[in-house]
Amino acid sequence: MKLGKLTLFAGKMGSGKSTMSQEISKNTNAVLISEDEWLGSLYPNQISGLNDYIKLSKLLKPQIKNLVQAILQTGADVVMDYPANTLAQREWLKSIFSEIDAPHELIFIDLPNDICLKQIEKRRLENPDREKTDTIEMFEVVTKHFLGPTSQEGFNITTIKSNT
């Protein structure tokens, strides 16, 4: 049986990963798995900083991995709105498709900090629930850990750069 394709995203906070994941899943009729939605549903109001996010995200990973692999094995495509922004995050995401030999694409949205910060401000205004986490301080903390993907990591990477 043909396996579904897994689409993943790398990019700084505010680069548009969630927006693009929604667009791609809609346009390709793929199943969208959003980390923010899972965390918000299972752990409402429990993430106030990076350490909370790391702890709770780690709890979800085994179940999400099994779910995504099961969906891919049915032949359905999956778009994961999960960050692939560090080596550790990418290793985990890579294990999802490599263990079952599913096709994949890692879309790297490579935008400068000023554009990401403008998009974070807009998102915070449109969604007041994100006021605690969508801050300049959080962007700076998270960006310190950001490392763009390289071809040596074994991903099929498509890079999208800003036109500005």
Protein backbone atom coordinates (compact mmCIF):
# COMPACT_ATOMS: atom_id res chain seq x y z
CA MET A 1 0.00 0.00 0.00
CA LYS A 2 1.14 3.53 -0.76
CA LEU A 3 2.01 5.57 2.31
CA GLY A 4 0.82 9.12 2.81
CA LYS A 5 3.20 12.06 2.69
CA LEU A 6 4.25 13.89 5.86
CA THR A 7 4.73 17.66 5.61
CA LEU A 8 6.73 19.38 8.34
CA PHE A 9 7.75 22.99 9.07
CA ALA A 10 10.79 24.83 10.38
CA GLY A 11 10.94 28.56 10.99
CA LYS A 12 11.27 31.04 13.79
CA MET A 13 8.35 31.87 16.04
CA GLY A 14 6.01 34.08 14.01
CA SER A 15 7.33 32.98 10.61
CA GLY A 16 3.96 31.63 9.50
CA LYS A 17 4.32 27.89 10.08
CA SER A 18 0.78 27.48 11.42
CA THR A 19 -0.78 29.58 8.68
CA MET A 20 1.06 27.66 5.98
CA SER A 21 0.24 24.30 7.57
CA GLN A 22 -3.46 25.16 7.53
CA GLU A 23 -3.29 26.27 3.89
CA ILE A 24 -1.41 23.18 2.74
CA SER A 25 -3.65 20.77 4.63
CA LYS A 26 -6.74 22.42 3.17
CA ASN A 27 -5.35 22.53 -0.38
CA THR A 28 -4.13 18.93 -0.33
CA ASN A 29 -6.95 17.43 1.75
CA ALA A 30 -4.38 16.28 4.33
CA VAL A 31 -4.95 15.59 8.02
CA LEU A 32 -3.66 18.53 10.09
CA ILE A 33 -2.07 17.75 13.45
CA SER A 34 -1.48 20.98 15.42
CA GLU A 35 0.66 20.88 18.54
CA ASP A 36 -0.86 24.15 19.80
CA GLU A 37 -4.38 22.71 19.51
CA TRP A 38 -3.45 19.49 21.32
CA LEU A 39 -1.59 21.33 24.10
CA GLY A 40 -4.36 23.91 24.48
CA SER A 41 -7.03 21.24 24.66
CA LEU A 42 -5.27 18.83 27.00
CA TYR A 43 -3.47 21.40 29.18
CA PRO A 44 -5.52 24.62 29.12
CA ASN A 45 -3.82 27.63 30.72
CA GLN A 46 -0.85 25.52 31.84
CA ILE A 47 1.79 26.98 29.51
CA SER A 48 3.23 30.25 30.71
CA GLY A 49 6.82 29.79 29.60
CA LEU A 50 9.27 27.71 27.60
CA ASN A 51 9.80 25.12 30.36
CA ASP A 52 6.05 24.45 30.59
CA TYR A 53 5.90 24.01 26.82
CA ILE A 54 8.86 21.62 26.75
CA LYS A 55 7.47 19.48 29.58
CA LEU A 56 3.94 19.20 28.19
CA SER A 57 5.05 18.78 24.58
CA LYS A 58 7.23 15.86 25.62
CA LEU A 59 4.22 14.14 27.21
CA LEU A 60 2.34 14.22 23.88
CA LYS A 61 5.08 12.97 21.59
CA PRO A 62 4.63 9.17 21.89
CA GLN A 63 0.90 9.34 21.21
CA ILE A 64 1.24 11.85 18.38
CA LYS A 65 3.97 9.76 16.75
CA ASN A 66 1.77 6.64 16.83
CA LEU A 67 -1.22 8.58 15.51
CA VAL A 68 0.68 10.17 12.61
CA GLN A 69 2.30 6.88 11.60
CA ALA A 70 -1.09 5.14 11.65
CA ILE A 71 -2.62 7.83 9.44
CA LEU A 72 0.31 7.75 7.00
CA GLN A 73 0.02 3.97 6.78
CA THR A 74 -3.57 4.32 5.56
CA GLY A 75 -2.26 6.33 2.61
CA ALA A 76 -3.57 9.66 3.87
CA ASP A 77 -1.27 12.70 3.88
CA VAL A 78 -0.47 14.44 7.17
CA VAL A 79 0.59 18.03 7.78
CA MET A 80 2.18 18.52 11.18
CA ASP A 81 2.04 21.97 12.69
CA TYR A 82 4.88 21.06 15.03
CA PRO A 83 8.13 23.05 15.12
CA ALA A 84 11.19 21.48 13.50
CA ASN A 85 13.40 24.24 14.88
CA THR A 86 16.08 22.35 16.81
CA LEU A 87 18.11 19.23 16.13
CA ALA A 88 16.20 17.35 18.84
CA GLN A 89 12.80 18.36 17.43
CA ARG A 90 13.87 17.33 13.93
CA GLU A 91 15.25 13.99 15.13
CA TRP A 92 11.89 13.16 16.67
CA LEU A 93 9.98 14.28 13.58
CA LYS A 94 12.38 12.33 11.35
CA SER A 95 11.70 9.18 13.35
CA ILE A 96 8.02 9.44 12.48
CA PHE A 97 8.49 9.09 8.72
CA SER A 98 11.79 7.17 8.63
CA GLU A 99 10.55 4.27 10.78
CA ILE A 100 7.81 3.52 8.26
CA ASP A 101 9.66 4.82 5.18
CA ALA A 102 6.99 7.41 4.36
CA PRO A 103 7.63 10.28 1.92
CA HIS A 104 8.08 13.69 3.49
CA GLU A 105 8.83 17.36 2.92
CA LEU A 106 10.29 19.83 5.42
CA ILE A 107 9.31 23.39 4.55
CA PHE A 108 11.76 25.92 6.00
CA ILE A 109 10.23 29.39 6.24
CA ASP A 110 13.34 31.58 6.45
CA LEU A 111 12.22 35.06 7.52
CA PRO A 112 14.14 37.84 9.28
CA ASN A 113 13.37 38.61 12.92
CA ASP A 114 11.61 41.92 12.21
CA ILE A 115 8.98 40.26 10.01
CA CYS A 116 8.44 37.47 12.56
CA LEU A 117 7.99 40.02 15.35
CA LYS A 118 5.42 41.98 13.32
CA GLN A 119 3.48 38.79 12.67
CA ILE A 120 3.63 37.85 16.37
CA GLU A 121 2.23 41.26 17.32
CA LYS A 122 -0.59 40.87 14.81
CA ARG A 123 -1.36 37.35 16.06
CA ARG A 124 -1.42 38.52 19.68
CA LEU A 125 -3.89 41.30 18.81
CA GLU A 126 -6.13 38.91 16.87
CA ASN A 127 -6.02 36.24 19.57
CA PRO A 128 -5.82 37.68 23.11
CA ASP A 129 -5.43 34.15 24.54
CA ARG A 130 -1.87 34.24 23.22
CA GLU A 131 -0.96 37.39 25.14
CA LYS A 132 1.15 35.42 27.68
CA THR A 133 3.21 33.50 25.14
CA ASP A 134 3.35 35.73 22.05
CA THR A 135 5.79 38.29 23.40
CA ILE A 136 9.08 39.80 22.31
CA GLU A 137 10.70 38.16 25.34
CA MET A 138 9.40 34.72 24.39
CA PHE A 139 10.53 35.26 20.79
CA GLU A 140 14.04 36.09 22.00
CA VAL A 141 14.20 33.06 24.31
CA VAL A 142 12.91 30.67 21.65
CA THR A 143 15.07 32.16 18.88
CA LYS A 144 18.22 31.47 20.93
CA HIS A 145 17.48 27.76 20.44
CA PHE A 146 16.53 28.01 16.75
CA LEU A 147 18.75 26.22 14.27
CA GLY A 148 17.72 26.04 10.64
CA PRO A 149 17.71 22.61 8.98
CA THR A 150 20.53 21.41 6.75
CA SER A 151 20.56 18.88 3.92
CA GLN A 152 22.97 16.70 5.95
CA GLU A 153 20.13 15.87 8.34
CA GLY A 154 18.38 13.71 5.76
CA PHE A 155 15.28 15.79 5.06
CA ASN A 156 13.74 16.81 1.75
CA ILE A 157 13.87 20.56 2.39
CA THR A 158 12.00 23.30 0.57
CA THR A 159 13.12 26.78 1.65
CA ILE A 160 10.83 29.80 1.45
CA LYS A 161 12.52 33.18 1.87
CA SER A 162 11.02 36.62 2.39
CA ASN A 163 10.60 38.87 -0.64
CA THR A 164 11.11 41.95 1.54
